[in-house]
Amino acid sequence: MNKFVNGLKEGYWEHYWSDSQLESKGNYINGKKEGYWEGYYSYGQLMYKGNLINGKQEGYWEKYYPDGQLISKEYNII
């Protein structure tokens, strides 16, 4: 977990809020977010989920209000 290759983030990472709650999790390839990612509000509720290719949203992305209700579901093509 949390490794660097040639100074760039690589592999599976978890990021945390200052209070140690999980903020986001997913993979990096060559320092860019790649694959499935999830992000969370500071109190643990899911904020978003979706896929990234070369750091950009690709495919279906879901975003949520702080109470857990779905805000949007969109399909992105790079």
PDB file of N, CA and C in Angstrom:
ATOM      1  N   MET A   1       0.833  -1.187   0.000  1.00  0.00           N
ATOM      2  CA  MET A   1       0.000   0.000   0.000  1.00  0.00           C
ATOM      3  C   MET A   1       0.879   1.254   0.000  1.00  0.00           C
ATOM      4  N   ASN A   2       0.405   2.302  -0.633  1.00  0.00           N
ATOM      5  CA  ASN A   2       1.076   3.602  -0.671  1.00  0.00           C
ATOM      6  C   ASN A   2       2.551   3.498  -1.049  1.00  0.00           C
ATOM      7  N   LYS A   3       2.806   3.073  -2.276  1.00  0.00           N
ATOM      8  CA  LYS A   3       4.192   3.012  -2.732  1.00  0.00           C
ATOM      9  C   LYS A   3       4.419   3.981  -3.884  1.00  0.00           C
ATOM     10  N   PHE A   4       5.680   4.291  -4.089  1.00  0.00           N
ATOM     11  CA  PHE A   4       6.112   5.167  -5.166  1.00  0.00           C
ATOM     12  C   PHE A   4       7.058   4.405  -6.090  1.00  0.00           C
ATOM     13  N   VAL A   5       6.957   4.666  -7.372  1.00  0.00           N
ATOM     14  CA  VAL A   5       7.885   4.140  -8.355  1.00  0.00           C
ATOM     15  C   VAL A   5       8.373   5.330  -9.175  1.00  0.00           C
ATOM     16  N   ASN A   6       9.671   5.555  -9.158  1.00  0.00           N
ATOM     17  CA  ASN A   6      10.265   6.722  -9.841  1.00  0.00           C
ATOM     18  C   ASN A   6       9.613   8.023  -9.395  1.00  0.00           C
ATOM     19  N   GLY A   7       9.284   8.115  -8.101  1.00  0.00           N
ATOM     20  CA  GLY A   7       8.705   9.330  -7.535  1.00  0.00           C
ATOM     21  C   GLY A   7       7.223   9.518  -7.792  1.00  0.00           C
ATOM     22  N   LEU A   8       6.560   8.544  -8.445  1.00  0.00           N
ATOM     23  CA  LEU A   8       5.136   8.651  -8.760  1.00  0.00           C
ATOM     24  C   LEU A   8       4.343   7.611  -7.972  1.00  0.00           C
ATOM     25  N   LYS A   9       3.123   7.974  -7.569  1.00  0.00           N
ATOM     26  CA  LYS A   9       2.262   7.031  -6.868  1.00  0.00           C
ATOM     27  C   LYS A   9       1.977   5.835  -7.772  1.00  0.00           C
ATOM     28  N   GLU A  10       1.962   4.649  -7.157  1.00  0.00           N
ATOM     29  CA  GLU A  10       1.750   3.419  -7.911  1.00  0.00           C
ATOM     30  C   GLU A  10       0.997   2.420  -7.043  1.00  0.00           C
ATOM     31  N   GLY A  11       0.022   1.732  -7.653  1.00  0.00           N
ATOM     32  CA  GLY A  11      -0.718   0.698  -6.948  1.00  0.00           C
ATOM     33  C   GLY A  11      -1.885   1.235  -6.136  1.00  0.00           C
ATOM     34  N   TYR A  12      -2.379   0.388  -5.238  1.00  0.00           N
ATOM     35  CA  TYR A  12      -3.556   0.723  -4.428  1.00  0.00           C
ATOM     36  C   TYR A  12      -3.182   1.716  -3.331  1.00  0.00           C
ATOM     37  N   TRP A  13      -4.003   2.773  -3.206  1.00  0.00           N
ATOM     38  CA  TRP A  13      -3.799   3.797  -2.181  1.00  0.00           C
ATOM     39  C   TRP A  13      -5.101   4.074  -1.467  1.00  0.00           C
ATOM     40  N   GLU A  14      -4.968   4.468  -0.214  1.00  0.00           N
ATOM     41  CA  GLU A  14      -6.077   5.006   0.576  1.00  0.00           C
ATOM     42  C   GLU A  14      -5.642   6.370   1.090  1.00  0.00           C
ATOM     43  N   HIS A  15      -6.549   7.355   0.981  1.00  0.00           N
ATOM     44  CA  HIS A  15      -6.297   8.697   1.497  1.00  0.00           C
ATOM     45  C   HIS A  15      -7.257   8.919   2.660  1.00  0.00           C
ATOM     46  N   TYR A  16      -6.808   9.671   3.673  1.00  0.00           N
ATOM     47  CA  TYR A  16      -7.601   9.857   4.885  1.00  0.00           C
ATOM     48  C   TYR A  16      -7.788  11.333   5.211  1.00  0.00           C
ATOM     49  N   TRP A  17      -8.946  11.655   5.782  1.00  0.00           N
ATOM     50  CA  TRP A  17      -9.202  12.985   6.320  1.00  0.00           C
ATOM     51  C   TRP A  17      -8.310  13.181   7.549  1.00  0.00           C
ATOM     52  N   SER A  18      -8.183  14.404   8.023  1.00  0.00           N
ATOM     53  CA  SER A  18      -7.307  14.699   9.172  1.00  0.00           C
ATOM     54  C   SER A  18      -7.736  13.968  10.443  1.00  0.00           C
ATOM     55  N   ASP A  19      -9.007  13.555  10.517  1.00  0.00           N
ATOM     56  CA  ASP A  19      -9.486  12.825  11.700  1.00  0.00           C
ATOM     57  C   ASP A  19      -9.388  11.307  11.526  1.00  0.00           C
ATOM     58  N   SER A  20      -8.645  10.865  10.516  1.00  0.00           N
ATOM     59  CA  SER A  20      -8.386   9.449  10.229  1.00  0.00           C
ATOM     60  C   SER A  20      -9.535   8.714   9.557  1.00  0.00           C
ATOM     61  N   GLN A  21     -10.596   9.408   9.166  1.00  0.00           N
ATOM     62  CA  GLN A  21     -11.667   8.780   8.389  1.00  0.00           C
ATOM     63  C   GLN A  21     -11.185   8.610   6.947  1.00  0.00           C
ATOM     64  N   LEU A  22     -11.599   7.529   6.316  1.00  0.00           N
ATOM     65  CA  LEU A  22     -11.238   7.280   4.920  1.00  0.00           C
ATOM     66  C   LEU A  22     -11.825   8.367   4.025  1.00  0.00           C
ATOM     67  N   GLU A  23     -10.984   8.968   3.173  1.00  0.00           N
ATOM     68  CA  GLU A  23     -11.419  10.029   2.253  1.00  0.00           C
ATOM     69  C   GLU A  23     -11.618   9.476   0.842  1.00  0.00           C
ATOM     70  N   SER A  24     -10.712   8.606   0.389  1.00  0.00           N
ATOM     71  CA  SER A  24     -10.853   7.985  -0.926  1.00  0.00           C
ATOM     72  C   SER A  24      -9.958   6.760  -1.010  1.00  0.00           C
ATOM     73  N   LYS A  25     -10.275   5.906  -2.001  1.00  0.00           N
ATOM     74  CA  LYS A  25      -9.443   4.724  -2.209  1.00  0.00           C
ATOM     75  C   LYS A  25      -9.509   4.319  -3.669  1.00  0.00           C
ATOM     76  N   GLY A  26      -8.367   3.829  -4.166  1.00  0.00           N
ATOM     77  CA  GLY A  26      -8.283   3.391  -5.543  1.00  0.00           C
ATOM     78  C   GLY A  26      -6.844   3.182  -5.955  1.00  0.00           C
ATOM     79  N   ASN A  27      -6.636   2.993  -7.232  1.00  0.00           N
ATOM     80  CA  ASN A  27      -5.307   2.679  -7.769  1.00  0.00           C
ATOM     81  C   ASN A  27      -4.693   3.838  -8.542  1.00  0.00           C
ATOM     82  N   TYR A  28      -3.373   3.838  -8.536  1.00  0.00           N
ATOM     83  CA  TYR A  28      -2.585   4.769  -9.339  1.00  0.00           C
ATOM     84  C   TYR A  28      -1.706   3.970 -10.296  1.00  0.00           C
ATOM     85  N   ILE A  29      -1.547   4.482 -11.492  1.00  0.00           N
ATOM     86  CA  ILE A  29      -0.569   3.969 -12.436  1.00  0.00           C
ATOM     87  C   ILE A  29       0.202   5.176 -12.954  1.00  0.00           C
ATOM     88  N   ASN A  30       1.512   5.142 -12.792  1.00  0.00           N
ATOM     89  CA  ASN A  30       2.376   6.265 -13.212  1.00  0.00           C
ATOM     90  C   ASN A  30       1.913   7.598 -12.626  1.00  0.00           C
ATOM     91  N   GLY A  31       1.466   7.586 -11.380  1.00  0.00           N
ATOM     92  CA  GLY A  31       1.089   8.808 -10.677  1.00  0.00           C
ATOM     93  C   GLY A  31      -0.296   9.336 -10.985  1.00  0.00           C
ATOM     94  N   LYS A  32      -1.061   8.633 -11.823  1.00  0.00           N
ATOM     95  CA  LYS A  32      -2.418   9.077 -12.160  1.00  0.00           C
ATOM     96  C   LYS A  32      -3.437   8.066 -11.672  1.00  0.00           C
ATOM     97  N   LYS A  33      -4.586   8.586 -11.226  1.00  0.00           N
ATOM     98  CA  LYS A  33      -5.654   7.703 -10.769  1.00  0.00           C
ATOM     99  C   LYS A  33      -6.142   6.850 -11.928  1.00  0.00           C
ATOM    100  N   GLU A  34      -6.305   5.556 -11.652  1.00  0.00           N
ATOM    101  CA  GLU A  34      -6.656   4.610 -12.706  1.00  0.00           C
ATOM    102  C   GLU A  34      -7.564   3.530 -12.131  1.00  0.00           C
ATOM    103  N   GLY A  35      -8.656   3.227 -12.845  1.00  0.00           N
ATOM    104  CA  GLY A  35      -9.555   2.170 -12.400  1.00  0.00           C
ATOM    105  C   GLY A  35     -10.644   2.684 -11.473  1.00  0.00           C
ATOM    106  N   TYR A  36     -11.199   1.781 -10.687  1.00  0.00           N
ATOM    107  CA  TYR A  36     -12.338   2.092  -9.817  1.00  0.00           C
ATOM    108  C   TYR A  36     -11.888   2.889  -8.595  1.00  0.00           C
ATOM    109  N   TRP A  37     -12.603   3.992  -8.331  1.00  0.00           N
ATOM    110  CA  TRP A  37     -12.331   4.840  -7.165  1.00  0.00           C
ATOM    111  C   TRP A  37     -13.614   5.117  -6.414  1.00  0.00           C
ATOM    112  N   GLU A  38     -13.476   5.262  -5.104  1.00  0.00           N
ATOM    113  CA  GLU A  38     -14.570   5.700  -4.238  1.00  0.00           C
ATOM    114  C   GLU A  38     -14.067   6.851  -3.388  1.00  0.00           C
ATOM    115  N   GLY A  39     -14.948   7.836  -3.147  1.00  0.00           N
ATOM    116  CA  GLY A  39     -14.628   8.952  -2.262  1.00  0.00           C
ATOM    117  C   GLY A  39     -15.703   9.073  -1.199  1.00  0.00           C
ATOM    118  N   TYR A  40     -15.321   9.561  -0.020  1.00  0.00           N
ATOM    119  CA  TYR A  40     -16.217   9.605   1.128  1.00  0.00           C
ATOM    120  C   TYR A  40     -16.213  10.977   1.786  1.00  0.00           C
ATOM    121  N   TYR A  41     -17.360  11.359   2.331  1.00  0.00           N
ATOM    122  CA  TYR A  41     -17.439  12.548   3.169  1.00  0.00           C
ATOM    123  C   TYR A  41     -16.645  12.283   4.454  1.00  0.00           C
ATOM    124  N   SER A  42     -16.291  13.341   5.162  1.00  0.00           N
ATOM    125  CA  SER A  42     -15.433  13.212   6.342  1.00  0.00           C
ATOM    126  C   SER A  42     -16.044  12.370   7.466  1.00  0.00           C
ATOM    127  N   TYR A  43     -17.346  12.113   7.413  1.00  0.00           N
ATOM    128  CA  TYR A  43     -17.997  11.294   8.440  1.00  0.00           C
ATOM    129  C   TYR A  43     -18.283   9.873   7.944  1.00  0.00           C
ATOM    130  N   GLY A  44     -17.770   9.528   6.750  1.00  0.00           N
ATOM    131  CA  GLY A  44     -17.827   8.161   6.280  1.00  0.00           C
ATOM    132  C   GLY A  44     -18.848   7.823   5.212  1.00  0.00           C
ATOM    133  N   GLN A  45     -19.770   8.734   4.908  1.00  0.00           N
ATOM    134  CA  GLN A  45     -20.789   8.467   3.884  1.00  0.00           C
ATOM    135  C   GLN A  45     -20.169   8.530   2.486  1.00  0.00           C
ATOM    136  N   LEU A  46     -20.572   7.604   1.609  1.00  0.00           N
ATOM    137  CA  LEU A  46     -20.074   7.586   0.238  1.00  0.00           C
ATOM    138  C   LEU A  46     -20.419   8.899  -0.480  1.00  0.00           C
ATOM    139  N   MET A  47     -19.430   9.517  -1.136  1.00  0.00           N
ATOM    140  CA  MET A  47     -19.605  10.764  -1.875  1.00  0.00           C
ATOM    141  C   MET A  47     -19.672  10.509  -3.382  1.00  0.00           C
ATOM    142  N   TYR A  48     -18.813   9.612  -3.873  1.00  0.00           N
ATOM    143  CA  TYR A  48     -18.802   9.294  -5.303  1.00  0.00           C
ATOM    144  C   TYR A  48     -18.188   7.919  -5.522  1.00  0.00           C
ATOM    145  N   LYS A  49     -18.462   7.358  -6.699  1.00  0.00           N
ATOM    146  CA  LYS A  49     -17.797   6.129  -7.111  1.00  0.00           C
ATOM    147  C   LYS A  49     -17.816   6.066  -8.627  1.00  0.00           C
ATOM    148  N   GLY A  50     -16.731   5.509  -9.185  1.00  0.00           N
ATOM    149  CA  GLY A  50     -16.647   5.382 -10.621  1.00  0.00           C
ATOM    150  C   GLY A  50     -15.248   5.026 -11.077  1.00  0.00           C
ATOM    151  N   ASN A  51     -15.095   4.928 -12.381  1.00  0.00           N
ATOM    152  CA  ASN A  51     -13.821   4.544 -12.980  1.00  0.00           C
ATOM    153  C   ASN A  51     -13.083   5.740 -13.556  1.00  0.00           C
ATOM    154  N   LEU A  52     -11.765   5.641 -13.494  1.00  0.00           N
ATOM    155  CA  LEU A  52     -10.889   6.661 -14.061  1.00  0.00           C
ATOM    156  C   LEU A  52      -9.916   5.998 -15.020  1.00  0.00           C
ATOM    157  N   ILE A  53      -9.625   6.683 -16.103  1.00  0.00           N
ATOM    158  CA  ILE A  53      -8.585   6.259 -17.025  1.00  0.00           C
ATOM    159  C   ILE A  53      -7.659   7.442 -17.202  1.00  0.00           C
ATOM    160  N   ASN A  54      -6.398   7.241 -16.861  1.00  0.00           N
ATOM    161  CA  ASN A  54      -5.398   8.300 -16.968  1.00  0.00           C
ATOM    162  C   ASN A  54      -5.831   9.551 -16.188  1.00  0.00           C
ATOM    163  N   GLY A  55      -6.476   9.329 -15.043  1.00  0.00           N
ATOM    164  CA  GLY A  55      -6.885  10.427 -14.171  1.00  0.00           C
ATOM    165  C   GLY A  55      -8.183  11.112 -14.544  1.00  0.00           C
ATOM    166  N   LYS A  56      -8.876  10.625 -15.576  1.00  0.00           N
ATOM    167  CA  LYS A  56     -10.119  11.254 -16.035  1.00  0.00           C
ATOM    168  C   LYS A  56     -11.295  10.293 -15.898  1.00  0.00           C
ATOM    169  N   GLN A  57     -12.458  10.850 -15.564  1.00  0.00           N
ATOM    170  CA  GLN A  57     -13.660  10.031 -15.394  1.00  0.00           C
ATOM    171  C   GLN A  57     -14.021   9.330 -16.694  1.00  0.00           C
ATOM    172  N   GLU A  58     -14.285   8.027 -16.583  1.00  0.00           N
ATOM    173  CA  GLU A  58     -14.645   7.204 -17.734  1.00  0.00           C
ATOM    174  C   GLU A  58     -15.757   6.253 -17.312  1.00  0.00           C
ATOM    175  N   GLY A  59     -16.769   6.141 -18.132  1.00  0.00           N
ATOM    176  CA  GLY A  59     -17.871   5.229 -17.822  1.00  0.00           C
ATOM    177  C   GLY A  59     -18.837   5.842 -16.815  1.00  0.00           C
ATOM    178  N   TYR A  60     -19.547   4.987 -16.084  1.00  0.00           N
ATOM    179  CA  TYR A  60     -20.557   5.463 -15.140  1.00  0.00           C
ATOM    180  C   TYR A  60     -19.927   6.024 -13.876  1.00  0.00           C
ATOM    181  N   TRP A  61     -20.429   7.195 -13.468  1.00  0.00           N
ATOM    182  CA  TRP A  61     -20.040   7.836 -12.212  1.00  0.00           C
ATOM    183  C   TRP A  61     -21.298   8.162 -11.439  1.00  0.00           C
ATOM    184  N   GLU A  62     -21.287   7.824 -10.168  1.00  0.00           N
ATOM    185  CA  GLU A  62     -22.402   8.157  -9.281  1.00  0.00           C
ATOM    186  C   GLU A  62     -21.897   9.110  -8.209  1.00  0.00           C
ATOM    187  N   LYS A  63     -22.689  10.151  -7.949  1.00  0.00           N
ATOM    188  CA  LYS A  63     -22.372  11.130  -6.909  1.00  0.00           C
ATOM    189  C   LYS A  63     -23.540  11.189  -5.941  1.00  0.00           C
ATOM    190  N   TYR A  64     -23.221  11.385  -4.653  1.00  0.00           N
ATOM    191  CA  TYR A  64     -24.225  11.301  -3.601  1.00  0.00           C
ATOM    192  C   TYR A  64     -24.230  12.538  -2.711  1.00  0.00           C
ATOM    193  N   TYR A  65     -25.425  12.903  -2.255  1.00  0.00           N
ATOM    194  CA  TYR A  65     -25.571  13.943  -1.244  1.00  0.00           C
ATOM    195  C   TYR A  65     -25.023  13.430   0.082  1.00  0.00           C
ATOM    196  N   PRO A  66     -24.742  14.328   1.025  1.00  0.00           N
ATOM    197  CA  PRO A  66     -24.243  13.900   2.335  1.00  0.00           C
ATOM    198  C   PRO A  66     -25.165  12.925   3.071  1.00  0.00           C
ATOM    199  N   ASP A  67     -26.465  12.940   2.755  1.00  0.00           N
ATOM    200  CA  ASP A  67     -27.394  12.021   3.424  1.00  0.00           C
ATOM    201  C   ASP A  67     -27.485  10.658   2.737  1.00  0.00           C
ATOM    202  N   GLY A  68     -26.698  10.467   1.664  1.00  0.00           N
ATOM    203  CA  GLY A  68     -26.672   9.190   0.973  1.00  0.00           C
ATOM    204  C   GLY A  68     -27.574   9.096  -0.244  1.00  0.00           C
ATOM    205  N   GLN A  69     -28.398  10.104  -0.489  1.00  0.00           N
ATOM    206  CA  GLN A  69     -29.270  10.107  -1.662  1.00  0.00           C
ATOM    207  C   GLN A  69     -28.439  10.362  -2.926  1.00  0.00           C
ATOM    208  N   LEU A  70     -28.784   9.686  -3.991  1.00  0.00           N
ATOM    209  CA  LEU A  70     -28.084   9.835  -5.259  1.00  0.00           C
ATOM    210  C   LEU A  70     -28.319  11.230  -5.843  1.00  0.00           C
ATOM    211  N   ILE A  71     -27.246  11.941  -6.171  1.00  0.00           N
ATOM    212  CA  ILE A  71     -27.336  13.244  -6.840  1.00  0.00           C
ATOM    213  C   ILE A  71     -27.431  13.020  -8.340  1.00  0.00           C
ATOM    214  N   SER A  72     -26.489  12.237  -8.859  1.00  0.00           N
ATOM    215  CA  SER A  72     -26.442  12.031 -10.305  1.00  0.00           C
ATOM    216  C   SER A  72     -25.759  10.709 -10.631  1.00  0.00           C
ATOM    217  N   LYS A  73     -26.141  10.216 -11.800  1.00  0.00           N
ATOM    218  CA  LYS A  73     -25.472   9.058 -12.388  1.00  0.00           C
ATOM    219  C   LYS A  73     -25.236   9.455 -13.832  1.00  0.00           C
ATOM    220  N   GLU A  74     -23.980   9.557 -14.189  1.00  0.00           N
ATOM    221  CA  GLU A  74     -23.650  10.027 -15.526  1.00  0.00           C
ATOM    222  C   GLU A  74     -22.686   9.070 -16.193  1.00  0.00           C
ATOM    223  N   TYR A  75     -22.670   9.123 -17.499  1.00  0.00           N
ATOM    224  CA  TYR A  75     -21.771   8.279 -18.279  1.00  0.00           C
ATOM    225  C   TYR A  75     -20.793   9.189 -19.001  1.00  0.00           C
ATOM    226  N   ASN A  76     -19.518   8.975 -18.774  1.00  0.00           N
ATOM    227  CA  ASN A  76     -18.472   9.797 -19.367  1.00  0.00           C
ATOM    228  C   ASN A  76     -17.664   8.994 -20.360  1.00  0.00           C
ATOM    229  N   ILE A  77     -17.383   9.600 -21.490  1.00  0.00           N
ATOM    230  CA  ILE A  77     -16.510   8.991 -22.490  1.00  0.00           C
ATOM    231  C   ILE A  77     -15.322   9.908 -22.685  1.00  0.00           C
ATOM    232  N   ILE A  78     -14.134   9.355 -22.596  1.00  0.00           N
ATOM    233  CA  ILE A  78     -12.911  10.165 -22.765  1.00  0.00           C
ATOM    234  C   ILE A  78     -12.699  10.417 -24.253  1.00  0.00           C
TER     235      ILE A  78
END
